[in-house]
Amino acid sequence: MQDSPQPSTANIAVACALVAGVTGYFLGQAKSLGLFGGSPITEAPQEKRKAEESDESSDEEDDTAPADFPDHPEECKLVLVVRTDLGMTKGKIGAQCGHATLACYKQFLRAAPNSPILRRWERSGQAKVALQVKSEEELEMLQAQAVSLGVVAHIIHDAGRTQIASGSATVLGIGPAPKGIIDQVTGHLKLL
């Protein structure tokens, strides 16, 4: 019996990018078809909204409107910062990246559905980049830094049904925002 080769970092990055890309594409298509409601998007009643939330994300909702960054006309991107110390499989990483992408998108829809940043990101292909950190503390520091700049930043906490302990912080979604702003927060990190 042959030993199967270990997955490479490049394979993991490709898997994450594919899952995040497909998720972003379908979110953009659903929004353009009006599946998320009209413009402006009306807020669901509190009880209904809590029932619709995924158990994968146990964070409190943040309805703070993200900054518009009028002095930054460059392309926008969304960054997915993955914890590598948890030993998640490629599939688990992909699922957690999908949760983070959706959480950031939903925060924009709640707080600023007509944001020029969100529209620019949707029109320019919904760029997503997967990066890595080695601890929960790093995720929390990056989130605080992003929020201080007016950027959407959402940490995903796992429900604990499969591979890792319940409540574990797995992925931080940052953005979408102009590349120059996000690079101030994550420019030093390595690709996943």
Foldseek 3Di string as FASTA:
>chain_A
DDDDDDDDLVNLQVLQQVLQLVLLVVVLVCVVVQVQHDPLRDDDPPVVVVVPDDLQAPDDADQAAFDLPPVFPAAWEKEKEFAPQLVDDSVVSNVQSSVQSVSQVVSCSRNPVPRPLVVRCSVVSHHYFYFYDHDPVLLVVLCVLLVVNRWDKGWTFGCCPPRGHGRHGTIIMTDRDRPVSSCVRPVVTGGD
